[in-house]
Amino acid sequence: MDASMLARLKTVLRDPLLFARAASGITLRAYQQPVAKAVADSVFKQRGLSFVVMFPRQSGKNELQAQLEVYLMMLFSQTLPGCEMVKVSPTWKPQSLNAMRRLESVLRRNLFTRSLWRKESGYIYRVGEARIAFLSGAPEANIVGATASTLLEVDEAQDVLISKYDREIAPMAASTNATRIFWGTAWTRDTLLGRELRAAQTAQDVDGIRRVFRVDGDTVAAEVPAYGRFVQEQVAKLGRLHPMVRTQFYSEEIDADGALFPPERISRLRGSHPPCLAADPRRQYAVLVDVAGEAETPPDPVLQAGAENGRRDSTAVTVVDAAPAETGNVYRVVWREQYTGLKHTDLFSMIRALMERYRARWLVVDATGVGAGLASLCSRVFPGKVTAFVFNAATKSELGWTFLTLVDAGRFLDYALPEQPQAWFNRLLELQGLFLRQLSRVQYDIPAGPEKRMRWSVPDGTRDPLSGGYLHDDLVLSAALVGALEKMELHPLSQALIIPAADPLKELDKGF
C-alpha cells in the first residue's frame, strides 16, 4: 500500500460511513448510519454496550453487517493483540454460509481489503491481526470455547434459543466485556431478540445512550420507494394485522401464545352473501372435509354427556365458492354440515351427495389416520378432484398460517343469514354459531426456533359456553382446509364449461 493510499486509509478509518463510501462506493442509508456509528463508538472506546437492531426483511441488514465487519477488521488489522470477533447465526446452512458469502463480497469490493484478506479453517476471515469467526447457533452445534474479544454478533437472534445463548454464546464476550449486537426481525416477545430488546431499552432509558435501533417498512420506503410498493402489496395480500406483516415489515412483536382468533379477527370473516342451496352454474365450488373417528354404533344418548362420547369430535364439512381475484382467491362459505357417529360408508354417501349437489370441482379430504381410506375411496370416485390432506405438526402449522392469511386479508368470508330466516336456515344458524364459538376458543403457541411452527387447537377439555358439552375444533379445521386450495391455480370458469342447473328446489330435495 503506497503512502497516498495509506494516508487516505487513516482518514477514512475515523468514521465507518466515510470508510464504506471511500472503500466500497457504498453510502449507507439514513436508518443504517446511526447503527454503524454507535457500534463503532462502543467498540473503539471499549464500552461493552449491548445493541438491538431490529430491521424489516430485505431492508439492508446484511449489507450493513458486512460493511461494519470489514470496517472493524481494517481498523484493528495492525493492533496487537489481535481483534477477535464472533458472529453466530441460527443455522450453519444456509444462514452462516450466506453471511460468509456476503462478507467475502464486501471484502473483494473494498479498495483496501481486496488483496489483504484471507480465509482460515473454512469459517474464519482475517485481515492482518483482526479475525472474525462464523459459528452456528443451532441447538446441536458445539461452539463452546470461542472468544469474542472485540465484538459478538448474534444474527436473526429471534431464532436462537435463549438457553443456547446463555449457556454457550454469552460467555464468549465475558472476559473482555466485548460489544454485543443482536440483529433480527421482530417475532414474539419471549425470543432472545425480544428479551434483549427490553434489556437494552431499560439501559437506554437510564443513561440516554442509544442502544435500540428499531426500523419499520415505512422508514425504509421513504428511501427506497420500490420497497414501499412491495410492502403495500403484501399488506393487500395478507392484511395489515397478519402476524407476518406486523413482524416482518413493521417490526411489531406478537404474543407467543394466546387466542388465535380474537374478536377483531373474527369480525373480518363475516360476509354479506347468503348461503347457497344448490349449484350456481356461474360459480366454482369446493367441498372441505375434516374426518372424525368412525363409530360403528350410533352414539348412546345416556352416555352422550359422559367423557367418552362427549369428547368425540364430528366429521365437519364446509362448502365454499372459490373465485379468483386480483389480490388472491376469495373463498365464500355457502354451506356447512356436521356428522357424528357415522360409518365411513354412510359418510361417503353424504360427501358424494354434496359433490353432486354443488357440482364441485375440488374435494379436500382429511386423510390422517382413519381418514386415509375415505380419501382413497373419494379419489377413485372423483378422479382428478381430490386432495388428500395429512395432518402433522408441519402441515397443520402451514395450514394455520395460510388460514390466518385468508382471514386477515378478507379472503375467507362466512355466509350471512337473512333477518327472517326460513325453517331450513335453523341448522345453518346453529352450525355457524358453533363454528364461531370454536374459533373463539382456538389457542396457539409458537415454540422458539427458526421454523416459526405454530401449534393451534381448541384445548382438550374446553367446554362449550352455550351447551356445556365439550367443544372441539372440527368445523374450524374443515374451514381451514381451504388453505389447500391456495396451492392450486384457480381460473375463472369458462363460459363453455357452464352447464345450466336444474331447478334449485328440486336439487335441494335430492340432498335431504
Protein backbone atom coordinates (compact mmCIF):
# COMPACT_ATOMS: atom_id res chain seq x y z
CA MET A 1 0.00 0.00 0.00
CA ASP A 2 1.62 3.29 -1.14
CA ALA A 3 1.89 6.43 1.00
CA SER A 4 -1.09 8.21 -0.58
CA MET A 5 -3.39 5.25 -0.07
CA LEU A 6 -2.14 4.81 3.49
CA ALA A 7 -2.90 8.45 4.23
CA ARG A 8 -6.35 8.08 2.72
CA LEU A 9 -6.94 4.96 4.80
CA LYS A 10 -6.03 6.77 8.02
CA THR A 11 -8.54 9.49 7.15
CA VAL A 12 -11.49 7.23 6.33
CA LEU A 13 -10.89 4.90 9.28
CA ARG A 14 -12.03 7.71 11.57
CA ASP A 15 -15.64 7.10 10.52
CA PRO A 16 -17.37 3.88 9.35
CA LEU A 17 -19.58 5.89 7.00
CA LEU A 18 -16.59 7.50 5.28
CA PHE A 19 -14.89 4.12 5.08
CA ALA A 20 -17.84 2.44 3.38
CA ARG A 21 -18.18 5.27 0.88
CA ALA A 22 -14.45 5.59 0.08
CA ALA A 23 -13.59 1.89 0.10
CA SER A 24 -16.70 0.31 -1.44
CA GLY A 25 -18.59 3.18 -3.02
CA ILE A 26 -21.47 2.47 -0.65
CA THR A 27 -23.45 5.23 1.01
CA LEU A 28 -25.27 3.71 3.93
CA ARG A 29 -28.93 4.61 4.19
CA ALA A 30 -30.08 7.12 6.78
CA TYR A 31 -31.52 4.43 9.07
CA GLN A 32 -28.34 2.32 8.78
CA GLN A 33 -25.92 5.11 9.65
CA PRO A 34 -26.73 5.53 13.39
CA VAL A 35 -26.21 1.79 13.91
CA ALA A 36 -22.76 1.82 12.33
CA LYS A 37 -21.63 4.89 14.28
CA ALA A 38 -22.97 3.65 17.64
CA VAL A 39 -21.40 0.20 17.34
CA ALA A 40 -18.04 1.58 16.16
CA ASP A 41 -18.02 4.05 19.06
CA SER A 42 -18.71 1.30 21.61
CA VAL A 43 -16.01 -0.94 20.17
CA PHE A 44 -13.39 1.80 19.82
CA LYS A 45 -13.98 3.16 23.35
CA GLN A 46 -14.36 -0.36 24.83
CA ARG A 47 -17.75 0.46 26.32
CA GLY A 48 -19.05 -3.08 26.01
CA LEU A 49 -22.57 -1.95 25.15
CA SER A 50 -25.30 -4.33 24.03
CA PHE A 51 -27.27 -3.20 20.96
CA VAL A 52 -30.50 -4.49 19.44
CA VAL A 53 -31.01 -3.83 15.74
CA MET A 54 -34.49 -4.77 14.53
CA PHE A 55 -34.93 -4.24 10.79
CA PRO A 56 -37.73 -5.41 8.48
CA ARG A 57 -36.99 -8.10 5.91
CA GLN A 58 -34.89 -7.19 2.87
CA SER A 59 -34.09 -3.72 4.19
CA GLY A 60 -30.29 -3.90 4.08
CA LYS A 61 -29.45 -5.52 7.42
CA ASN A 62 -26.98 -8.00 5.94
CA GLU A 63 -25.14 -5.37 3.88
CA LEU A 64 -24.82 -3.17 6.97
CA GLN A 65 -23.41 -6.10 8.94
CA ALA A 66 -20.77 -6.87 6.32
CA GLN A 67 -19.74 -3.22 5.91
CA LEU A 68 -19.38 -2.84 9.67
CA GLU A 69 -17.41 -6.07 9.99
CA VAL A 70 -14.96 -5.08 7.25
CA TYR A 71 -14.52 -1.64 8.80
CA LEU A 72 -13.64 -3.11 12.19
CA MET A 73 -11.31 -5.69 10.66
CA MET A 74 -9.43 -2.95 8.83
CA LEU A 75 -9.45 -0.67 11.88
CA PHE A 76 -7.84 -3.32 14.08
CA SER A 77 -5.74 -5.05 11.41
CA GLN A 78 -2.48 -3.69 12.89
CA THR A 79 -3.47 -3.88 16.55
CA LEU A 80 -1.70 -6.20 18.98
CA PRO A 81 -3.01 -8.37 20.47
CA GLY A 82 -5.33 -9.15 17.59
CA CYS A 83 -9.01 -8.33 17.35
CA GLU A 84 -11.33 -11.33 17.70
CA MET A 85 -14.95 -11.12 16.52
CA VAL A 86 -17.58 -13.86 16.50
CA LYS A 87 -20.79 -13.98 14.50
CA VAL A 88 -23.43 -16.57 15.42
CA SER A 89 -26.38 -17.44 13.16
CA PRO A 90 -29.28 -19.78 13.99
CA THR A 91 -28.10 -22.39 11.46
CA TRP A 92 -24.90 -23.16 9.61
CA LYS A 93 -26.63 -23.90 6.34
CA PRO A 94 -27.83 -21.63 4.88
CA GLN A 95 -27.54 -18.70 7.33
CA SER A 96 -23.87 -18.80 8.36
CA LEU A 97 -22.86 -19.65 4.80
CA ASN A 98 -24.89 -16.74 3.44
CA ALA A 99 -23.28 -14.38 5.96
CA MET A 100 -19.83 -15.58 4.92
CA ARG A 101 -20.61 -15.05 1.24
CA ARG A 102 -21.85 -11.54 1.98
CA LEU A 103 -18.64 -10.72 3.87
CA GLU A 104 -16.48 -12.13 1.08
CA SER A 105 -18.30 -9.98 -1.45
CA VAL A 106 -17.63 -6.82 0.55
CA LEU A 107 -14.00 -7.80 1.20
CA ARG A 108 -13.46 -8.25 -2.56
CA ARG A 109 -15.14 -4.95 -3.45
CA ASN A 110 -13.34 -2.99 -0.76
CA LEU A 111 -10.46 -0.90 -2.09
CA PHE A 112 -8.27 -1.55 0.96
CA THR A 113 -9.01 -5.20 1.79
CA ARG A 114 -9.31 -6.83 -1.64
CA SER A 115 -5.68 -8.01 -1.54
CA LEU A 116 -5.26 -8.34 2.22
CA TRP A 117 -7.96 -10.73 3.42
CA ARG A 118 -7.68 -14.47 3.67
CA LYS A 119 -9.79 -17.36 4.90
CA GLU A 120 -8.75 -19.85 7.57
CA SER A 121 -10.20 -23.21 8.64
CA GLY A 122 -13.23 -22.74 6.41
CA TYR A 123 -15.07 -20.37 8.76
CA ILE A 124 -12.61 -17.64 9.84
CA TYR A 125 -11.78 -14.49 7.87
CA ARG A 126 -8.64 -12.50 8.56
CA VAL A 127 -7.24 -9.06 7.73
CA GLY A 128 -3.88 -8.61 9.39
CA GLU A 129 -4.32 -9.22 13.10
CA ALA A 130 -8.12 -8.96 13.01
CA ARG A 131 -10.26 -12.04 12.66
CA ILE A 132 -13.97 -12.88 12.55
CA ALA A 133 -15.29 -16.41 13.08
CA PHE A 134 -18.69 -17.60 11.87
CA LEU A 135 -20.49 -20.15 14.05
CA SER A 136 -23.83 -21.93 14.09
CA GLY A 137 -26.21 -21.30 16.97
CA ALA A 138 -28.26 -24.42 16.27
CA PRO A 139 -29.13 -26.37 19.43
CA GLU A 140 -26.88 -29.27 18.46
CA ALA A 141 -23.86 -27.16 17.45
CA ASN A 142 -20.80 -27.48 19.69
CA ILE A 143 -19.37 -23.95 19.89
CA VAL A 144 -18.07 -23.78 23.45
CA GLY A 145 -14.62 -22.19 23.73
CA ALA A 146 -14.72 -19.46 21.10
CA THR A 147 -13.72 -15.97 22.26
CA ALA A 148 -15.05 -12.61 21.09
CA SER A 149 -12.59 -10.06 22.45
CA THR A 150 -13.93 -7.14 20.40
CA LEU A 151 -17.40 -7.90 19.04
CA LEU A 152 -20.04 -10.60 19.47
CA GLU A 153 -22.87 -10.66 16.93
CA VAL A 154 -25.99 -12.80 17.10
CA ASP A 155 -27.78 -12.68 13.76
CA GLU A 156 -31.50 -13.49 13.48
CA ALA A 157 -31.48 -13.53 17.26
CA GLN A 158 -35.21 -14.22 17.36
CA ASP A 159 -34.42 -17.75 16.13
CA VAL A 160 -31.58 -18.56 18.57
CA LEU A 161 -32.68 -20.35 21.73
CA ILE A 162 -32.26 -18.34 24.91
CA SER A 163 -30.78 -21.35 26.68
CA LYS A 164 -28.21 -21.77 23.89
CA TYR A 165 -27.19 -18.12 24.14
CA ASP A 166 -26.96 -18.03 27.93
CA ARG A 167 -25.03 -21.27 28.22
CA GLU A 168 -22.65 -21.21 25.23
CA ILE A 169 -22.68 -17.88 23.40
CA ALA A 170 -22.78 -15.15 26.07
CA PRO A 171 -19.56 -16.41 27.79
CA MET A 172 -17.62 -15.69 24.58
CA ALA A 173 -17.70 -11.96 25.39
CA ALA A 174 -17.35 -12.23 29.16
CA SER A 175 -13.58 -11.93 29.63
CA THR A 176 -13.27 -8.63 27.74
CA ASN A 177 -16.80 -7.27 28.04
CA ALA A 178 -16.97 -7.08 24.25
CA THR A 179 -19.64 -5.08 22.46
CA ARG A 180 -22.66 -7.24 21.57
CA ILE A 181 -25.16 -6.81 18.74
CA PHE A 182 -28.43 -8.69 18.48
CA TRP A 183 -29.62 -8.42 14.90
CA GLY A 184 -33.02 -9.62 13.82
CA THR A 185 -36.57 -9.19 12.67
CA ALA A 186 -39.43 -8.90 15.12
CA TRP A 187 -41.16 -12.08 16.20
CA THR A 188 -42.60 -12.99 19.60
CA ARG A 189 -41.83 -11.23 22.87
CA ASP A 190 -40.29 -14.29 24.51
CA THR A 191 -37.48 -14.78 21.98
CA LEU A 192 -33.84 -13.91 22.66
CA LEU A 193 -34.26 -10.81 20.50
CA GLY A 194 -37.34 -9.78 22.48
CA ARG A 195 -35.60 -10.27 25.82
CA GLU A 196 -32.53 -8.29 24.78
CA LEU A 197 -34.72 -5.58 23.28
CA ARG A 198 -36.30 -4.88 26.66
CA ALA A 199 -32.97 -5.04 28.47
CA ALA A 200 -31.37 -2.60 26.01
CA GLN A 201 -34.36 -0.25 26.23
CA THR A 202 -34.11 -0.22 30.02
CA ALA A 203 -30.38 0.60 29.91
CA GLN A 204 -31.02 3.26 27.28
CA ASP A 205 -33.67 4.90 29.45
CA VAL A 206 -31.21 5.06 32.37
CA ASP A 207 -28.17 6.66 30.70
CA GLY A 208 -29.59 8.07 27.46
CA ILE A 209 -27.12 6.19 25.24
CA ARG A 210 -28.99 4.78 22.28
CA ARG A 211 -28.91 1.01 22.14
CA VAL A 212 -32.18 0.16 20.36
CA PHE A 213 -32.50 0.66 16.60
CA ARG A 214 -35.98 -0.34 15.52
CA VAL A 215 -36.91 0.37 11.90
CA ASP A 216 -40.21 -0.29 10.13
CA GLY A 217 -41.17 -0.65 6.49
CA ASP A 218 -42.38 2.94 6.19
CA THR A 219 -38.95 4.23 7.19
CA VAL A 220 -37.29 2.04 4.58
CA ALA A 221 -39.87 3.05 1.96
CA ALA A 222 -39.02 6.73 2.47
CA GLU A 223 -35.58 5.99 1.00
CA VAL A 224 -36.47 3.06 -1.25
CA PRO A 225 -39.86 3.63 -2.95
CA ALA A 226 -39.78 0.20 -4.58
CA TYR A 227 -39.63 -1.35 -1.12
CA GLY A 228 -42.71 0.60 -0.11
CA ARG A 229 -44.62 -0.71 -3.11
CA PHE A 230 -43.63 -4.26 -2.22
CA VAL A 231 -44.78 -3.85 1.39
CA GLN A 232 -48.12 -2.43 0.29
CA GLU A 233 -48.60 -5.44 -1.99
CA GLN A 234 -48.01 -7.72 0.99
CA VAL A 235 -50.47 -5.73 3.10
CA ALA A 236 -53.09 -6.01 0.36
CA LYS A 237 -52.49 -9.73 0.08
CA LEU A 238 -52.19 -10.69 3.75
CA GLY A 239 -53.82 -7.85 5.68
CA ARG A 240 -52.12 -5.28 7.91
CA LEU A 241 -52.88 -7.28 11.07
CA HIS A 242 -51.42 -10.54 9.80
CA PRO A 243 -48.57 -11.72 12.07
CA MET A 244 -46.13 -11.91 9.15
CA VAL A 245 -46.90 -8.36 8.04
CA ARG A 246 -46.67 -6.99 11.57
CA THR A 247 -43.38 -8.71 12.37
CA GLN A 248 -41.53 -8.92 9.06
CA PHE A 249 -42.33 -5.44 7.74
CA TYR A 250 -43.41 -3.26 10.68
CA SER A 251 -41.12 -4.57 13.45
CA GLU A 252 -44.06 -5.23 15.77
CA GLU A 253 -43.78 -8.14 18.19
CA ILE A 254 -46.61 -10.61 18.64
CA ASP A 255 -47.50 -12.78 21.60
CA ALA A 256 -46.02 -16.27 21.60
CA ASP A 257 -49.32 -17.78 22.68
CA GLY A 258 -52.92 -16.89 23.29
CA ALA A 259 -56.18 -16.73 21.38
CA LEU A 260 -55.66 -17.20 17.66
CA PHE A 261 -58.97 -15.61 16.72
CA PRO A 262 -59.71 -12.61 18.94
CA PRO A 263 -62.96 -10.72 18.26
CA GLU A 264 -61.37 -8.25 15.85
CA ARG A 265 -60.07 -11.10 13.69
CA ILE A 266 -63.36 -13.00 13.77
CA SER A 267 -65.14 -9.85 12.60
CA ARG A 268 -63.06 -9.90 9.41
CA LEU A 269 -64.56 -13.17 8.19
CA ARG A 270 -68.18 -12.06 8.38
CA GLY A 271 -69.51 -11.90 4.82
CA SER A 272 -72.64 -10.42 3.33
CA HIS A 273 -73.51 -13.22 0.90
CA PRO A 274 -76.33 -15.71 1.64
CA PRO A 275 -75.93 -19.49 1.84
CA CYS A 276 -76.32 -21.36 -1.41
CA LEU A 277 -78.93 -24.10 -1.62
CA ALA A 278 -77.61 -25.61 -4.83
CA ALA A 279 -75.03 -25.04 -7.52
CA ASP A 280 -74.95 -21.72 -9.32
CA PRO A 281 -73.60 -22.53 -12.80
CA ARG A 282 -71.53 -19.33 -12.75
CA ARG A 283 -69.62 -20.42 -9.64
CA GLN A 284 -66.93 -22.95 -8.74
CA TYR A 285 -67.28 -24.94 -5.54
CA ALA A 286 -65.01 -26.91 -3.25
CA VAL A 287 -66.01 -29.36 -0.52
CA LEU A 288 -63.71 -29.46 2.54
CA VAL A 289 -63.93 -32.43 4.91
CA ASP A 290 -62.35 -32.84 8.34
CA VAL A 291 -62.81 -36.52 9.21
CA ALA A 292 -63.63 -37.81 12.69
CA GLY A 293 -63.01 -41.29 14.00
CA GLU A 294 -65.57 -43.83 12.86
CA ALA A 295 -68.20 -45.10 15.28
CA GLU A 296 -69.72 -48.42 14.27
CA THR A 297 -72.75 -47.92 16.50
CA PRO A 298 -74.90 -44.83 16.98
CA PRO A 299 -73.96 -42.68 20.00
CA ASP A 300 -75.66 -43.76 23.21
CA PRO A 301 -77.85 -40.87 24.43
CA VAL A 302 -77.26 -41.96 28.01
CA LEU A 303 -73.50 -41.62 27.56
CA GLN A 304 -73.62 -38.53 25.37
CA ALA A 305 -72.84 -36.23 28.28
CA GLY A 306 -70.09 -38.51 29.56
CA ALA A 307 -66.41 -38.16 28.89
CA GLU A 308 -66.13 -40.82 26.17
CA ASN A 309 -68.87 -39.70 23.82
CA GLY A 310 -68.70 -36.09 24.95
CA ARG A 311 -65.13 -35.90 23.75
CA ARG A 312 -65.82 -37.49 20.37
CA ASP A 313 -65.48 -34.95 17.60
CA SER A 314 -67.56 -34.99 14.45
CA THR A 315 -66.86 -35.04 10.76
CA ALA A 316 -67.28 -31.46 9.61
CA VAL A 317 -67.90 -30.36 6.04
CA THR A 318 -67.58 -26.83 4.66
CA VAL A 319 -68.61 -25.95 1.12
CA VAL A 320 -67.03 -22.83 -0.36
CA ASP A 321 -67.45 -20.84 -3.53
CA ALA A 322 -63.91 -20.25 -4.80
CA ALA A 323 -63.35 -17.23 -7.00
CA PRO A 324 -60.02 -15.89 -8.33
CA ALA A 325 -59.44 -12.17 -7.76
CA GLU A 326 -56.63 -9.66 -8.35
CA THR A 327 -55.43 -9.78 -4.74
CA GLY A 328 -55.80 -13.57 -4.42
CA ASN A 329 -58.53 -16.15 -4.43
CA VAL A 330 -61.63 -15.35 -2.39
CA TYR A 331 -63.50 -18.15 -0.65
CA ARG A 332 -67.12 -17.72 0.45
CA VAL A 333 -68.73 -20.31 2.70
CA VAL A 334 -72.07 -21.38 1.23
CA TRP A 335 -72.93 -24.45 3.31
CA ARG A 336 -71.94 -26.49 6.37
CA GLU A 337 -72.63 -29.98 7.59
CA GLN A 338 -71.63 -31.95 10.67
CA TYR A 339 -71.95 -35.72 11.14
CA THR A 340 -71.37 -37.54 14.42
CA GLY A 341 -71.01 -41.29 14.78
CA LEU A 342 -71.45 -42.19 11.10
CA LYS A 343 -69.85 -45.21 9.49
CA HIS A 344 -67.47 -44.10 6.78
CA THR A 345 -69.60 -45.84 4.16
CA ASP A 346 -72.52 -43.59 5.12
CA LEU A 347 -70.23 -40.61 5.38
CA PHE A 348 -69.04 -41.20 1.83
CA SER A 349 -72.63 -41.19 0.63
CA MET A 350 -73.15 -37.79 2.27
CA ILE A 351 -69.99 -36.39 0.67
CA ARG A 352 -70.97 -37.73 -2.73
CA ALA A 353 -74.39 -36.10 -2.40
CA LEU A 354 -72.76 -32.74 -1.64
CA MET A 355 -70.30 -33.10 -4.51
CA GLU A 356 -73.16 -33.76 -6.91
CA ARG A 357 -75.41 -31.11 -5.43
CA TYR A 358 -72.78 -28.38 -5.86
CA ARG A 359 -71.14 -29.90 -8.94
CA ALA A 360 -67.91 -29.32 -7.02
CA ARG A 361 -64.61 -29.02 -8.87
CA TRP A 362 -62.49 -29.78 -5.79
CA LEU A 363 -62.70 -32.05 -2.77
CA VAL A 364 -60.18 -31.69 0.08
CA VAL A 365 -60.33 -34.63 2.50
CA ASP A 366 -58.54 -35.10 5.81
CA ALA A 367 -56.56 -38.27 5.08
CA THR A 368 -55.00 -38.57 8.53
CA GLY A 369 -55.34 -41.96 10.22
CA VAL A 370 -58.78 -43.42 9.62
CA GLY A 371 -59.45 -40.76 7.01
CA ALA A 372 -56.97 -42.34 4.61
CA GLY A 373 -59.44 -44.99 3.47
CA LEU A 374 -62.19 -42.44 2.90
CA ALA A 375 -59.82 -40.20 0.94
CA SER A 376 -58.75 -43.16 -1.21
CA LEU A 377 -62.38 -44.06 -1.98
CA CYS A 378 -63.16 -40.46 -2.89
CA SER A 379 -60.14 -40.34 -5.21
CA ARG A 380 -61.45 -43.35 -7.12
CA VAL A 381 -64.96 -41.96 -7.45
CA PHE A 382 -63.92 -38.36 -8.20
CA PRO A 383 -60.67 -38.71 -10.17
CA GLY A 384 -58.67 -35.52 -10.53
CA LYS A 385 -60.76 -33.62 -7.99
CA VAL A 386 -59.45 -34.91 -4.66
CA THR A 387 -56.67 -33.52 -2.48
CA ALA A 388 -55.79 -35.85 0.42
CA PHE A 389 -54.52 -33.72 3.31
CA VAL A 390 -52.49 -35.43 6.05
CA PHE A 391 -52.21 -33.54 9.32
CA ASN A 392 -48.88 -33.45 11.13
CA ALA A 393 -47.01 -30.76 13.04
CA ALA A 394 -45.58 -29.16 9.90
CA THR A 395 -48.65 -29.33 7.67
CA LYS A 396 -51.01 -28.13 10.38
CA SER A 397 -48.74 -25.18 11.13
CA GLU A 398 -48.61 -24.22 7.46
CA LEU A 399 -52.38 -24.63 7.19
CA GLY A 400 -52.86 -22.38 10.21
CA TRP A 401 -50.66 -19.63 8.79
CA THR A 402 -52.43 -19.84 5.43
CA PHE A 403 -55.87 -19.69 7.04
CA LEU A 404 -54.79 -16.61 9.03
CA THR A 405 -53.62 -15.03 5.78
CA LEU A 406 -57.01 -15.57 4.18
CA VAL A 407 -58.96 -14.31 7.18
CA ASP A 408 -56.82 -11.22 7.75
CA ALA A 409 -56.95 -10.28 4.07
CA GLY A 410 -60.74 -10.65 3.93
CA ARG A 411 -60.42 -13.55 1.54
CA PHE A 412 -62.35 -16.09 3.62
CA LEU A 413 -65.92 -14.99 4.24
CA ASP A 414 -68.74 -16.71 6.10
CA TYR A 415 -72.34 -16.58 4.94
CA ALA A 416 -74.87 -14.09 6.32
CA LEU A 417 -78.33 -15.34 7.21
CA PRO A 418 -81.37 -13.18 6.39
CA GLU A 419 -83.25 -11.32 9.09
CA GLN A 420 -86.31 -13.52 8.54
CA PRO A 421 -84.82 -16.99 8.24
CA GLN A 422 -86.73 -19.88 6.80
CA ALA A 423 -87.04 -23.12 8.69
CA TRP A 424 -84.19 -24.78 6.79
CA PHE A 425 -81.85 -21.99 7.93
CA ASN A 426 -82.04 -23.13 11.52
CA ARG A 427 -79.40 -25.82 11.09
CA LEU A 428 -77.05 -23.41 9.28
CA LEU A 429 -77.55 -20.85 12.02
CA GLU A 430 -76.76 -23.46 14.68
CA LEU A 431 -73.60 -24.63 12.89
CA GLN A 432 -72.44 -21.08 12.24
CA GLY A 433 -72.79 -20.29 15.94
CA LEU A 434 -70.84 -23.43 16.84
CA PHE A 435 -68.14 -22.55 14.30
CA LEU A 436 -67.73 -19.08 15.80
CA ARG A 437 -67.58 -20.45 19.33
CA GLN A 438 -64.92 -22.93 18.26
CA LEU A 439 -62.94 -20.13 16.60
CA SER A 440 -63.08 -18.02 19.73
CA ARG A 441 -61.60 -20.87 21.81
CA VAL A 442 -58.71 -21.78 19.47
CA GLN A 443 -55.40 -21.28 21.28
CA TYR A 444 -51.95 -21.18 19.71
CA ASP A 445 -48.32 -21.20 20.72
CA ILE A 446 -45.15 -20.75 18.70
CA PRO A 447 -42.16 -22.68 20.07
CA ALA A 448 -38.78 -20.99 19.76
CA GLY A 449 -36.75 -21.80 16.68
CA PRO A 450 -36.28 -20.81 13.06
CA GLU A 451 -39.18 -22.94 11.77
CA LYS A 452 -41.80 -20.48 13.14
CA ARG A 453 -44.02 -23.50 13.53
CA MET A 454 -47.39 -22.78 15.09
CA ARG A 455 -49.36 -25.24 17.19
CA TRP A 456 -53.07 -24.45 17.33
CA SER A 457 -56.25 -26.15 18.50
CA VAL A 458 -59.15 -25.92 20.89
CA PRO A 459 -57.56 -27.28 24.09
CA ASP A 460 -58.79 -30.65 25.33
CA GLY A 461 -61.49 -30.35 27.93
CA THR A 462 -62.77 -26.97 26.72
CA ARG A 463 -66.47 -26.58 27.42
CA ASP A 464 -68.99 -25.02 25.06
CA PRO A 465 -70.34 -21.93 26.86
CA LEU A 466 -73.76 -22.47 25.23
CA SER A 467 -74.37 -26.20 25.66
CA GLY A 468 -71.94 -27.02 28.46
CA GLY A 469 -70.62 -30.00 26.47
CA TYR A 470 -67.10 -30.47 25.20
CA LEU A 471 -66.06 -28.08 22.46
CA HIS A 472 -63.96 -29.32 19.54
CA ASP A 473 -62.38 -27.65 16.52
CA ASP A 474 -63.74 -29.84 13.73
CA LEU A 475 -65.64 -27.01 12.00
CA VAL A 476 -62.57 -24.79 12.23
CA LEU A 477 -60.30 -27.46 10.75
CA SER A 478 -62.78 -28.08 7.95
CA ALA A 479 -62.83 -24.37 7.12
CA ALA A 480 -59.03 -24.14 7.36
CA LEU A 481 -58.64 -26.86 4.72
CA VAL A 482 -59.39 -24.07 2.28
CA GLY A 483 -55.66 -23.43 2.61
CA ALA A 484 -55.05 -26.50 0.44
CA LEU A 485 -56.81 -24.69 -2.41
CA GLU A 486 -54.25 -21.88 -2.18
CA LYS A 487 -51.68 -24.22 -3.72
CA MET A 488 -53.88 -24.69 -6.78
CA GLU A 489 -54.15 -22.28 -9.66
CA LEU A 490 -57.78 -21.26 -9.91
CA HIS A 491 -59.13 -19.80 -13.13
CA PRO A 492 -62.39 -18.04 -13.92
CA LEU A 493 -64.98 -20.51 -15.12
CA SER A 494 -65.09 -20.56 -18.90
CA GLN A 495 -68.48 -19.88 -20.47
CA ALA A 496 -68.03 -23.07 -22.44
CA LEU A 497 -67.98 -25.03 -19.17
CA ILE A 498 -71.15 -23.50 -17.74
CA ILE A 499 -73.92 -26.07 -17.67
CA PRO A 500 -77.45 -24.86 -16.88
CA ALA A 501 -78.50 -26.03 -13.43
CA ALA A 502 -81.69 -27.90 -12.74
CA ASP A 503 -84.40 -26.33 -10.63
CA PRO A 504 -82.64 -25.39 -7.33
CA LEU A 505 -85.55 -26.57 -5.18
CA LYS A 506 -85.56 -29.97 -6.84
CA GLU A 507 -81.80 -30.19 -6.43
CA LEU A 508 -82.21 -29.30 -2.76
CA ASP A 509 -84.80 -32.01 -2.27
CA LYS A 510 -82.32 -34.57 -3.60
CA GLY A 511 -79.86 -33.64 -0.88
CA PHE A 512 -82.19 -34.38 2.02
